[in-house]
Amino acid sequence: MHSMLKNMGILAWIGCLVTLAYQSISWTLSAAWPSVTLLDVLHSLFGIDLLSFISNLPLDMSAKAIYVCFTTQLTLFFWWLGVVLFMTQFLTQIFIRK
């Protein structure tokens, strides 16, 4: 379990670097920094219509989820996902010693 969490954290940080590389190359070629949000990626790559899923949530949760999906840059999502996975790996290593 520890190695799985560590590997997933490394993959999340690699995803962060790949997204930053894409944005940098795009900025170099077109002189415009592309906004790559979580909502854009889920819809274009996986065909997931997140807004229809969110519409079934209560109003306060829907507003928060829409705000996060529209404003969260993919690089920040991957970065914090990696941090959470590494911290989870560290805490499980401390508290669950198998």
PDB file of N, CA and C in Angstrom:
ATOM      1  N   MET A   1       0.827  -1.192   0.000  1.00  0.00           N
ATOM      2  CA  MET A   1       0.000   0.000   0.000  1.00  0.00           C
ATOM      3  C   MET A   1       0.872   1.257   0.000  1.00  0.00           C
ATOM      4  N   HIS A   2       1.986   1.187   0.727  1.00  0.00           N
ATOM      5  CA  HIS A   2       2.858   2.368   0.810  1.00  0.00           C
ATOM      6  C   HIS A   2       3.468   2.688  -0.545  1.00  0.00           C
ATOM      7  N   SER A   3       3.906   1.665  -1.242  1.00  0.00           N
ATOM      8  CA  SER A   3       4.522   1.916  -2.544  1.00  0.00           C
ATOM      9  C   SER A   3       3.482   2.376  -3.566  1.00  0.00           C
ATOM     10  N   MET A   4       2.241   1.886  -3.438  1.00  0.00           N
ATOM     11  CA  MET A   4       1.188   2.325  -4.345  1.00  0.00           C
ATOM     12  C   MET A   4       0.903   3.812  -4.156  1.00  0.00           C
ATOM     13  N   LEU A   5       0.790   4.254  -2.905  1.00  0.00           N
ATOM     14  CA  LEU A   5       0.544   5.666  -2.631  1.00  0.00           C
ATOM     15  C   LEU A   5       1.710   6.529  -3.112  1.00  0.00           C
ATOM     16  N   LYS A   6       2.918   6.038  -2.902  1.00  0.00           N
ATOM     17  CA  LYS A   6       4.093   6.788  -3.356  1.00  0.00           C
ATOM     18  C   LYS A   6       4.116   6.895  -4.872  1.00  0.00           C
ATOM     19  N   ASN A   7       3.833   5.784  -5.561  1.00  0.00           N
ATOM     20  CA  ASN A   7       3.824   5.799  -7.024  1.00  0.00           C
ATOM     21  C   ASN A   7       2.719   6.696  -7.574  1.00  0.00           C
ATOM     22  N   MET A   8       1.556   6.681  -6.939  1.00  0.00           N
ATOM     23  CA  MET A   8       0.474   7.558  -7.380  1.00  0.00           C
ATOM     24  C   MET A   8       0.827   9.023  -7.150  1.00  0.00           C
ATOM     25  N   GLY A   9       1.511   9.318  -6.056  1.00  0.00           N
ATOM     26  CA  GLY A   9       1.964  10.682  -5.802  1.00  0.00           C
ATOM     27  C   GLY A   9       2.970  11.145  -6.839  1.00  0.00           C
ATOM     28  N   ILE A  10       3.880  10.256  -7.206  1.00  0.00           N
ATOM     29  CA  ILE A  10       4.861  10.586  -8.246  1.00  0.00           C
ATOM     30  C   ILE A  10       4.159  10.814  -9.577  1.00  0.00           C
ATOM     31  N   LEU A  11       3.171   9.978  -9.911  1.00  0.00           N
ATOM     32  CA  LEU A  11       2.413  10.162 -11.148  1.00  0.00           C
ATOM     33  C   LEU A  11       1.639  11.474 -11.150  1.00  0.00           C
ATOM     34  N   ALA A  12       1.104  11.861  -9.999  1.00  0.00           N
ATOM     35  CA  ALA A  12       0.386  13.135  -9.915  1.00  0.00           C
ATOM     36  C   ALA A  12       1.336  14.294 -10.170  1.00  0.00           C
ATOM     37  N   TRP A  13       2.535  14.241  -9.609  1.00  0.00           N
ATOM     38  CA  TRP A  13       3.504  15.327  -9.832  1.00  0.00           C
ATOM     39  C   TRP A  13       4.033  15.313 -11.260  1.00  0.00           C
ATOM     40  N   ILE A  14       4.147  14.143 -11.865  1.00  0.00           N
ATOM     41  CA  ILE A  14       4.526  14.077 -13.281  1.00  0.00           C
ATOM     42  C   ILE A  14       3.414  14.689 -14.129  1.00  0.00           C
ATOM     43  N   GLY A  15       2.165  14.431 -13.773  1.00  0.00           N
ATOM     44  CA  GLY A  15       1.043  15.066 -14.467  1.00  0.00           C
ATOM     45  C   GLY A  15       1.089  16.577 -14.351  1.00  0.00           C
ATOM     46  N   CYS A  16       1.489  17.069 -13.204  1.00  0.00           N
ATOM     47  CA  CYS A  16       1.652  18.514 -13.002  1.00  0.00           C
ATOM     48  C   CYS A  16       2.720  19.059 -13.935  1.00  0.00           C
ATOM     49  N   LEU A  17       3.853  18.375 -14.014  1.00  0.00           N
ATOM     50  CA  LEU A  17       4.940  18.827 -14.878  1.00  0.00           C
ATOM     51  C   LEU A  17       4.564  18.749 -16.359  1.00  0.00           C
ATOM     52  N   VAL A  18       3.847  17.709 -16.757  1.00  0.00           N
ATOM     53  CA  VAL A  18       3.421  17.578 -18.146  1.00  0.00           C
ATOM     54  C   VAL A  18       2.442  18.693 -18.509  1.00  0.00           C
ATOM     55  N   THR A  19       1.528  19.003 -17.611  1.00  0.00           N
ATOM     56  CA  THR A  19       0.581  20.089 -17.870  1.00  0.00           C
ATOM     57  C   THR A  19       1.305  21.424 -17.975  1.00  0.00           C
ATOM     58  N   LEU A  20       2.265  21.662 -17.098  1.00  0.00           N
ATOM     59  CA  LEU A  20       3.045  22.899 -17.179  1.00  0.00           C
ATOM     60  C   LEU A  20       3.865  22.951 -18.463  1.00  0.00           C
ATOM     61  N   ALA A  21       4.389  21.816 -18.891  1.00  0.00           N
ATOM     62  CA  ALA A  21       5.149  21.778 -20.146  1.00  0.00           C
ATOM     63  C   ALA A  21       4.242  22.101 -21.329  1.00  0.00           C
ATOM     64  N   TYR A  22       3.039  21.531 -21.339  1.00  0.00           N
ATOM     65  CA  TYR A  22       2.075  21.835 -22.400  1.00  0.00           C
ATOM     66  C   TYR A  22       1.748  23.324 -22.426  1.00  0.00           C
ATOM     67  N   GLN A  23       1.486  23.894 -21.258  1.00  0.00           N
ATOM     68  CA  GLN A  23       1.156  25.312 -21.200  1.00  0.00           C
ATOM     69  C   GLN A  23       2.336  26.171 -21.629  1.00  0.00           C
ATOM     70  N   SER A  24       3.537  25.783 -21.259  1.00  0.00           N
ATOM     71  CA  SER A  24       4.726  26.549 -21.642  1.00  0.00           C
ATOM     72  C   SER A  24       4.966  26.504 -23.146  1.00  0.00           C
ATOM     73  N   ILE A  25       4.827  25.324 -23.729  1.00  0.00           N
ATOM     74  CA  ILE A  25       5.003  25.198 -25.178  1.00  0.00           C
ATOM     75  C   ILE A  25       3.933  25.993 -25.917  1.00  0.00           C
ATOM     76  N   SER A  26       2.708  25.916 -25.427  1.00  0.00           N
ATOM     77  CA  SER A  26       1.625  26.680 -26.047  1.00  0.00           C
ATOM     78  C   SER A  26       1.870  28.177 -25.924  1.00  0.00           C
ATOM     79  N   TRP A  27       2.374  28.597 -24.786  1.00  0.00           N
ATOM     80  CA  TRP A  27       2.682  30.019 -24.588  1.00  0.00           C
ATOM     81  C   TRP A  27       3.819  30.464 -25.504  1.00  0.00           C
ATOM     82  N   THR A  28       4.799  29.595 -25.695  1.00  0.00           N
ATOM     83  CA  THR A  28       5.921  29.915 -26.566  1.00  0.00           C
ATOM     84  C   THR A  28       5.469  30.047 -28.022  1.00  0.00           C
ATOM     85  N   LEU A  29       4.573  29.164 -28.449  1.00  0.00           N
ATOM     86  CA  LEU A  29       4.138  29.170 -29.845  1.00  0.00           C
ATOM     87  C   LEU A  29       3.077  30.220 -30.150  1.00  0.00           C
ATOM     88  N   SER A  30       2.154  30.444 -29.227  1.00  0.00           N
ATOM     89  CA  SER A  30       1.038  31.345 -29.525  1.00  0.00           C
ATOM     90  C   SER A  30       1.016  32.607 -28.683  1.00  0.00           C
ATOM     91  N   ALA A  31       1.951  32.772 -27.781  1.00  0.00           N
ATOM     92  CA  ALA A  31       2.037  33.935 -26.890  1.00  0.00           C
ATOM     93  C   ALA A  31       0.785  34.115 -26.040  1.00  0.00           C
ATOM     94  N   ALA A  32       0.125  33.015 -25.716  1.00  0.00           N
ATOM     95  CA  ALA A  32      -1.041  33.062 -24.837  1.00  0.00           C
ATOM     96  C   ALA A  32      -0.987  31.856 -23.905  1.00  0.00           C
ATOM     97  N   TRP A  33      -1.104  32.117 -22.606  1.00  0.00           N
ATOM     98  CA  TRP A  33      -1.072  31.038 -21.621  1.00  0.00           C
ATOM     99  C   TRP A  33      -2.440  30.366 -21.587  1.00  0.00           C
ATOM    100  N   PRO A  34      -2.518  29.096 -21.989  1.00  0.00           N
ATOM    101  CA  PRO A  34      -3.828  28.432 -22.023  1.00  0.00           C
ATOM    102  C   PRO A  34      -4.311  28.083 -20.616  1.00  0.00           C
ATOM    103  N   SER A  35      -5.574  28.271 -20.406  1.00  0.00           N
ATOM    104  CA  SER A  35      -6.184  27.896 -19.136  1.00  0.00           C
ATOM    105  C   SER A  35      -6.676  26.461 -19.240  1.00  0.00           C
ATOM    106  N   VAL A  36      -6.059  25.585 -18.500  1.00  0.00           N
ATOM    107  CA  VAL A  36      -6.449  24.177 -18.502  1.00  0.00           C
ATOM    108  C   VAL A  36      -7.070  23.888 -17.147  1.00  0.00           C
ATOM    109  N   THR A  37      -8.402  23.875 -17.122  1.00  0.00           N
ATOM    110  CA  THR A  37      -9.103  23.637 -15.865  1.00  0.00           C
ATOM    111  C   THR A  37      -9.500  22.176 -15.741  1.00  0.00           C
ATOM    112  N   LEU A  38      -9.866  21.805 -14.555  1.00  0.00           N
ATOM    113  CA  LEU A  38     -10.293  20.439 -14.274  1.00  0.00           C
ATOM    114  C   LEU A  38     -11.520  20.078 -15.097  1.00  0.00           C
ATOM    115  N   LEU A  39     -12.450  21.007 -15.242  1.00  0.00           N
ATOM    116  CA  LEU A  39     -13.669  20.762 -16.006  1.00  0.00           C
ATOM    117  C   LEU A  39     -13.358  20.527 -17.482  1.00  0.00           C
ATOM    118  N   ASP A  40     -12.442  21.315 -18.054  1.00  0.00           N
ATOM    119  CA  ASP A  40     -12.064  21.158 -19.460  1.00  0.00           C
ATOM    120  C   ASP A  40     -11.486  19.771 -19.726  1.00  0.00           C
ATOM    121  N   VAL A  41     -10.605  19.333 -18.856  1.00  0.00           N
ATOM    122  CA  VAL A  41      -9.936  18.045 -19.069  1.00  0.00           C
ATOM    123  C   VAL A  41     -10.904  16.886 -18.908  1.00  0.00           C
ATOM    124  N   LEU A  42     -11.748  16.929 -17.884  1.00  0.00           N
ATOM    125  CA  LEU A  42     -12.697  15.833 -17.687  1.00  0.00           C
ATOM    126  C   LEU A  42     -13.655  15.722 -18.856  1.00  0.00           C
ATOM    127  N   HIS A  43     -14.051  16.856 -19.415  1.00  0.00           N
ATOM    128  CA  HIS A  43     -14.997  16.817 -20.528  1.00  0.00           C
ATOM    129  C   HIS A  43     -14.328  16.428 -21.839  1.00  0.00           C
ATOM    130  N   SER A  44     -13.176  17.002 -22.140  1.00  0.00           N
ATOM    131  CA  SER A  44     -12.560  16.741 -23.446  1.00  0.00           C
ATOM    132  C   SER A  44     -11.872  15.375 -23.525  1.00  0.00           C
ATOM    133  N   LEU A  45     -11.204  14.952 -22.473  1.00  0.00           N
ATOM    134  CA  LEU A  45     -10.487  13.676 -22.527  1.00  0.00           C
ATOM    135  C   LEU A  45     -11.359  12.469 -22.213  1.00  0.00           C
ATOM    136  N   PHE A  46     -12.207  12.605 -21.215  1.00  0.00           N
ATOM    137  CA  PHE A  46     -12.970  11.451 -20.760  1.00  0.00           C
ATOM    138  C   PHE A  46     -14.450  11.500 -21.134  1.00  0.00           C
ATOM    139  N   GLY A  47     -14.906  12.620 -21.684  1.00  0.00           N
ATOM    140  CA  GLY A  47     -16.308  12.752 -22.068  1.00  0.00           C
ATOM    141  C   GLY A  47     -17.253  12.829 -20.886  1.00  0.00           C
ATOM    142  N   ILE A  48     -16.735  13.157 -19.729  1.00  0.00           N
ATOM    143  CA  ILE A  48     -17.559  13.243 -18.523  1.00  0.00           C
ATOM    144  C   ILE A  48     -18.214  14.611 -18.478  1.00  0.00           C
ATOM    145  N   ASP A  49     -19.544  14.624 -18.423  1.00  0.00           N
ATOM    146  CA  ASP A  49     -20.271  15.881 -18.306  1.00  0.00           C
ATOM    147  C   ASP A  49     -20.484  16.147 -16.817  1.00  0.00           C
ATOM    148  N   LEU A  50     -19.523  16.806 -16.231  1.00  0.00           N
ATOM    149  CA  LEU A  50     -19.530  17.027 -14.796  1.00  0.00           C
ATOM    150  C   LEU A  50     -20.649  17.960 -14.363  1.00  0.00           C
ATOM    151  N   LEU A  51     -21.042  18.874 -15.228  1.00  0.00           N
ATOM    152  CA  LEU A  51     -22.098  19.816 -14.858  1.00  0.00           C
ATOM    153  C   LEU A  51     -23.444  19.123 -14.675  1.00  0.00           C
ATOM    154  N   SER A  52     -23.732  18.091 -15.463  1.00  0.00           N
ATOM    155  CA  SER A  52     -24.990  17.362 -15.272  1.00  0.00           C
ATOM    156  C   SER A  52     -24.962  16.559 -13.969  1.00  0.00           C
ATOM    157  N   PHE A  53     -23.794  16.049 -13.599  1.00  0.00           N
ATOM    158  CA  PHE A  53     -23.660  15.354 -12.322  1.00  0.00           C
ATOM    159  C   PHE A  53     -23.838  16.329 -11.161  1.00  0.00           C
ATOM    160  N   ILE A  54     -23.228  17.496 -11.296  1.00  0.00           N
ATOM    161  CA  ILE A  54     -23.292  18.493 -10.230  1.00  0.00           C
ATOM    162  C   ILE A  54     -24.710  19.019 -10.050  1.00  0.00           C
ATOM    163  N   SER A  55     -25.490  19.054 -11.124  1.00  0.00           N
ATOM    164  CA  SER A  55     -26.854  19.592 -11.027  1.00  0.00           C
ATOM    165  C   SER A  55     -27.742  18.735 -10.130  1.00  0.00           C
ATOM    166  N   ASN A  56     -27.357  17.491  -9.869  1.00  0.00           N
ATOM    167  CA  ASN A  56     -28.141  16.623  -8.990  1.00  0.00           C
ATOM    168  C   ASN A  56     -27.796  16.798  -7.514  1.00  0.00           C
ATOM    169  N   LEU A  57     -26.772  17.587  -7.214  1.00  0.00           N
ATOM    170  CA  LEU A  57     -26.383  17.844  -5.828  1.00  0.00           C
ATOM    171  C   LEU A  57     -27.223  18.953  -5.231  1.00  0.00           C
ATOM    172  N   PRO A  58     -27.255  19.075  -3.910  1.00  0.00           N
ATOM    173  CA  PRO A  58     -27.927  20.220  -3.299  1.00  0.00           C
ATOM    174  C   PRO A  58     -27.285  21.535  -3.757  1.00  0.00           C
ATOM    175  N   LEU A  59     -28.041  22.626  -3.651  1.00  0.00           N
ATOM    176  CA  LEU A  59     -27.630  23.907  -4.218  1.00  0.00           C
ATOM    177  C   LEU A  59     -26.295  24.399  -3.669  1.00  0.00           C
ATOM    178  N   ASP A  60     -26.082  24.322  -2.362  1.00  0.00           N
ATOM    179  CA  ASP A  60     -24.825  24.829  -1.801  1.00  0.00           C
ATOM    180  C   ASP A  60     -23.630  24.001  -2.256  1.00  0.00           C
ATOM    181  N   MET A  61     -23.799  22.685  -2.323  1.00  0.00           N
ATOM    182  CA  MET A  61     -22.706  21.834  -2.808  1.00  0.00           C
ATOM    183  C   MET A  61     -22.473  22.041  -4.300  1.00  0.00           C
ATOM    184  N   SER A  62     -23.539  22.262  -5.051  1.00  0.00           N
ATOM    185  CA  SER A  62     -23.400  22.507  -6.496  1.00  0.00           C
ATOM    186  C   SER A  62     -22.612  23.769  -6.762  1.00  0.00           C
ATOM    187  N   ALA A  63     -22.916  24.824  -6.032  1.00  0.00           N
ATOM    188  CA  ALA A  63     -22.214  26.092  -6.232  1.00  0.00           C
ATOM    189  C   ALA A  63     -20.726  25.943  -5.923  1.00  0.00           C
ATOM    190  N   LYS A  64     -20.411  25.251  -4.844  1.00  0.00           N
ATOM    191  CA  LYS A  64     -19.003  25.048  -4.488  1.00  0.00           C
ATOM    192  C   LYS A  64     -18.289  24.172  -5.512  1.00  0.00           C
ATOM    193  N   ALA A  65     -18.939  23.097  -5.948  1.00  0.00           N
ATOM    194  CA  ALA A  65     -18.325  22.190  -6.914  1.00  0.00           C
ATOM    195  C   ALA A  65     -18.112  22.871  -8.264  1.00  0.00           C
ATOM    196  N   ILE A  66     -19.076  23.659  -8.709  1.00  0.00           N
ATOM    197  CA  ILE A  66     -18.924  24.382  -9.974  1.00  0.00           C
ATOM    198  C   ILE A  66     -17.784  25.375  -9.882  1.00  0.00           C
ATOM    199  N   TYR A  67     -17.694  26.087  -8.752  1.00  0.00           N
ATOM    200  CA  TYR A  67     -16.609  27.045  -8.574  1.00  0.00           C
ATOM    201  C   TYR A  67     -15.249  26.354  -8.633  1.00  0.00           C
ATOM    202  N   VAL A  68     -15.129  25.227  -7.952  1.00  0.00           N
ATOM    203  CA  VAL A  68     -13.856  24.493  -7.935  1.00  0.00           C
ATOM    204  C   VAL A  68     -13.525  23.963  -9.331  1.00  0.00           C
ATOM    205  N   CYS A  69     -14.493  23.400 -10.031  1.00  0.00           N
ATOM    206  CA  CYS A  69     -14.232  22.820 -11.353  1.00  0.00           C
ATOM    207  C   CYS A  69     -13.887  23.884 -12.396  1.00  0.00           C
ATOM    208  N   PHE A  70     -14.491  25.067 -12.291  1.00  0.00           N
ATOM    209  CA  PHE A  70     -14.206  26.128 -13.259  1.00  0.00           C
ATOM    210  C   PHE A  70     -12.915  26.872 -12.962  1.00  0.00           C
ATOM    211  N   THR A  71     -12.507  26.935 -11.706  1.00  0.00           N
ATOM    212  CA  THR A  71     -11.353  27.762 -11.357  1.00  0.00           C
ATOM    213  C   THR A  71     -10.085  26.988 -11.063  1.00  0.00           C
ATOM    214  N   THR A  72     -10.191  25.721 -10.752  1.00  0.00           N
ATOM    215  CA  THR A  72      -9.002  24.947 -10.400  1.00  0.00           C
ATOM    216  C   THR A  72      -8.200  24.612 -11.647  1.00  0.00           C
ATOM    217  N   GLN A  73      -6.989  25.104 -11.687  1.00  0.00           N
ATOM    218  CA  GLN A  73      -6.093  24.759 -12.780  1.00  0.00           C
ATOM    219  C   GLN A  73      -5.627  23.319 -12.582  1.00  0.00           C
ATOM    220  N   LEU A  74      -5.427  22.621 -13.655  1.00  0.00           N
ATOM    221  CA  LEU A  74      -5.049  21.211 -13.591  1.00  0.00           C
ATOM    222  C   LEU A  74      -3.701  21.023 -12.901  1.00  0.00           C
ATOM    223  N   THR A  75      -2.792  21.979 -13.089  1.00  0.00           N
ATOM    224  CA  THR A  75      -1.484  21.864 -12.439  1.00  0.00           C
ATOM    225  C   THR A  75      -1.622  21.912 -10.925  1.00  0.00           C
ATOM    226  N   LEU A  76      -2.463  22.802 -10.421  1.00  0.00           N
ATOM    227  CA  LEU A  76      -2.678  22.868  -8.966  1.00  0.00           C
ATOM    228  C   LEU A  76      -3.360  21.616  -8.445  1.00  0.00           C
ATOM    229  N   PHE A  77      -4.300  21.092  -9.211  1.00  0.00           N
ATOM    230  CA  PHE A  77      -4.972  19.867  -8.805  1.00  0.00           C
ATOM    231  C   PHE A  77      -3.973  18.723  -8.673  1.00  0.00           C
ATOM    232  N   PHE A  78      -3.115  18.546  -9.705  1.00  0.00           N
ATOM    233  CA  PHE A  78      -2.126  17.479  -9.650  1.00  0.00           C
ATOM    234  C   PHE A  78      -1.129  17.693  -8.517  1.00  0.00           C
ATOM    235  N   TRP A  79      -0.712  18.939  -8.301  1.00  0.00           N
ATOM    236  CA  TRP A  79       0.262  19.223  -7.244  1.00  0.00           C
ATOM    237  C   TRP A  79      -0.302  18.837  -5.883  1.00  0.00           C
ATOM    238  N   TRP A  80      -1.507  19.314  -5.572  1.00  0.00           N
ATOM    239  CA  TRP A  80      -2.094  19.030  -4.265  1.00  0.00           C
ATOM    240  C   TRP A  80      -2.503  17.567  -4.126  1.00  0.00           C
ATOM    241  N   LEU A  81      -2.878  16.927  -5.225  1.00  0.00           N
ATOM    242  CA  LEU A  81      -3.154  15.498  -5.174  1.00  0.00           C
ATOM    243  C   LEU A  81      -1.893  14.730  -4.788  1.00  0.00           C
ATOM    244  N   GLY A  82      -0.759  15.108  -5.356  1.00  0.00           N
ATOM    245  CA  GLY A  82       0.509  14.481  -4.990  1.00  0.00           C
ATOM    246  C   GLY A  82       0.852  14.706  -3.532  1.00  0.00           C
ATOM    247  N   VAL A  83       0.635  15.926  -3.038  1.00  0.00           N
ATOM    248  CA  VAL A  83       0.910  16.223  -1.629  1.00  0.00           C
ATOM    249  C   VAL A  83       0.033  15.365  -0.726  1.00  0.00           C
ATOM    250  N   VAL A  84      -1.258  15.258  -1.044  1.00  0.00           N
ATOM    251  CA  VAL A  84      -2.175  14.454  -0.225  1.00  0.00           C
ATOM    252  C   VAL A  84      -1.771  12.980  -0.260  1.00  0.00           C
ATOM    253  N   LEU A  85      -1.396  12.487  -1.420  1.00  0.00           N
ATOM    254  CA  LEU A  85      -0.996  11.079  -1.509  1.00  0.00           C
ATOM    255  C   LEU A  85       0.287  10.806  -0.734  1.00  0.00           C
ATOM    256  N   PHE A  86       1.263  11.694  -0.808  1.00  0.00           N
ATOM    257  CA  PHE A  86       2.495  11.502  -0.045  1.00  0.00           C
ATOM    258  C   PHE A  86       2.246  11.604   1.462  1.00  0.00           C
ATOM    259  N   MET A  87       1.390  12.531   1.881  1.00  0.00           N
ATOM    260  CA  MET A  87       1.078  12.645   3.310  1.00  0.00           C
ATOM    261  C   MET A  87       0.312  11.418   3.798  1.00  0.00           C
ATOM    262  N   THR A  88      -0.596  10.902   2.971  1.00  0.00           N
ATOM    263  CA  THR A  88      -1.318   9.685   3.335  1.00  0.00           C
ATOM    264  C   THR A  88      -0.361   8.513   3.455  1.00  0.00           C
ATOM    265  N   GLN A  89       0.586   8.423   2.533  1.00  0.00           N
ATOM    266  CA  GLN A  89       1.580   7.352   2.590  1.00  0.00           C
ATOM    267  C   GLN A  89       2.418   7.476   3.857  1.00  0.00           C
ATOM    268  N   PHE A  90       2.818   8.690   4.190  1.00  0.00           N
ATOM    269  CA  PHE A  90       3.621   8.931   5.381  1.00  0.00           C
ATOM    270  C   PHE A  90       2.844   8.577   6.650  1.00  0.00           C
ATOM    271  N   LEU A  91       1.588   9.001   6.723  1.00  0.00           N
ATOM    272  CA  LEU A  91       0.788   8.727   7.922  1.00  0.00           C
ATOM    273  C   LEU A  91       0.448   7.249   8.061  1.00  0.00           C
ATOM    274  N   THR A  92       0.166   6.565   6.956  1.00  0.00           N
ATOM    275  CA  THR A  92      -0.103   5.137   7.068  1.00  0.00           C
ATOM    276  C   THR A  92       1.151   4.367   7.435  1.00  0.00           C
ATOM    277  N   GLN A  93       2.293   4.873   7.022  1.00  0.00           N
ATOM    278  CA  GLN A  93       3.545   4.219   7.395  1.00  0.00           C
ATOM    279  C   GLN A  93       3.813   4.382   8.889  1.00  0.00           C
ATOM    280  N   ILE A  94       3.409   5.507   9.441  1.00  0.00           N
ATOM    281  CA  ILE A  94       3.607   5.744  10.884  1.00  0.00           C
ATOM    282  C   ILE A  94       2.603   4.950  11.713  1.00  0.00           C
ATOM    283  N   PHE A  95       1.320   5.046  11.353  1.00  0.00           N
ATOM    284  CA  PHE A  95       0.279   4.483  12.201  1.00  0.00           C
ATOM    285  C   PHE A  95      -0.065   3.035  11.886  1.00  0.00           C
ATOM    286  N   ILE A  96       0.143   2.591  10.667  1.00  0.00           N
ATOM    287  CA  ILE A  96      -0.161   1.211  10.301  1.00  0.00           C
ATOM    288  C   ILE A  96       1.159   0.568   9.863  1.00  0.00           C
ATOM    289  N   ARG A  97       1.819  -0.057  10.787  1.00  0.00           N
ATOM    290  CA  ARG A  97       3.112  -0.696  10.486  1.00  0.00           C
ATOM    291  C   ARG A  97       2.905  -2.169  10.245  1.00  0.00           C
ATOM    292  N   LYS A  98       2.882  -2.523   8.975  1.00  0.00           N
ATOM    293  CA  LYS A  98       2.700  -3.949   8.625  1.00  0.00           C
ATOM    294  C   LYS A  98       3.872  -4.415   7.858  1.00  0.00           C
TER     295      LYS A  98
END
